[in-house]
Amino acid sequence: MSLRPKSLVASSIPVLVALSLAWSDLASVSGKFRWIPAICCLGFAMLAQASANLINDYADFVKGADGPDRVRSLSAVASGLISPRAILIATLCTLTLACCFGLGTIPYGGWVAVAVGIVSCVFCLLYSAGPFPFAYNGLGDVLVVAFFGFVAVGFTYYLQTDALTLDTALLGLGVGFAVDSILIANNYCDREEDRAHRKFTLIAIFGERFGRYFYLANGLLVVVTLALVFWRRNTPLSVMSLVTLGVYLALHLQACVTLARIRSGPALAKLLILSGRNVVVLGILLVFALTA
């Protein structure tokens, strides 16, 4: 329950999209795709997110943010199914395993791989724990876009091509925004409990109406950013480009309508399901659009 395997699409999709971009760019110059760093990046990303999920459950329990008034189901720690000590051990084990995958990238990325690995591990823990937890101080969305977008996409691409491009940065930004929609949905569901327990997400700070517009604007930014990627790659009117943007926009607007209709209560859990679905669909479409 604490590992939240269904949520790991948030870390796997950015890596797969970056690998698709690298595959396309390498094919255009007859370059060789590197399978070992590809697998290592995927393993590291998913295990690092799993570690963040574990420490998040621990931190929310300790800080009282995961209490009986929670709209969604309680975590394994708050439910008493696992002890706080046990989840800390699980976090350490999972993060250690992530680092084992990270070691496999060093021959291809050198000191850059070491730096990215260390910073990623540190922020996995600081996201919801430590003296200044980012998730509790309105910075959770920034970290999601940065690490699930720029870092995951940019570093994966770099290990394949030994380069970073503007296309990579824009793609990372678009994918980061898409993944952030899951966090926004989560924070919208928990806004009242978060405010009561002094977990100051942006929605807890600025309120329900802001949350609705924030969710809508975030999806529109995904479409605009990815449209720039397709335009730069001279494929703005290709069938797959139009399908990717059109389908994602339609699905996002459907989620927005669901949010506006429900607004509060346990039924809002549907918004999280729709947000996760949208990320998966977008990832699949981007893989085809970038490699077509």
Foldseek 3Di string as FASTA:
>chain_A
DLLPLLLLLLQQLLLLLLLLLLVQVCVVVVHDFDDLLSVLLNLLRSLLLSLLSLLQLLLCVVLVLQEPVAQEDGDCPNVVVDDSVVSVVVSVVSLVSSVVSLVSLCVQVPPVSVVLSVVSNVLSNQCRDDPHRCQQPANNLVVQLVCSFCVSNQVSSCSGPVDGDPLSNLRSNLLSLLSCLLVLLVCLASLVSSLVSSRDHPCVVPHLVVSLVSSLVSLVSSLVSLCVSCVVVVNNPPPLNCCLSVVLNVLSVVLSVVCVVPSYHNVSVVSSVSSSVSSVSSSVSSSVVSND
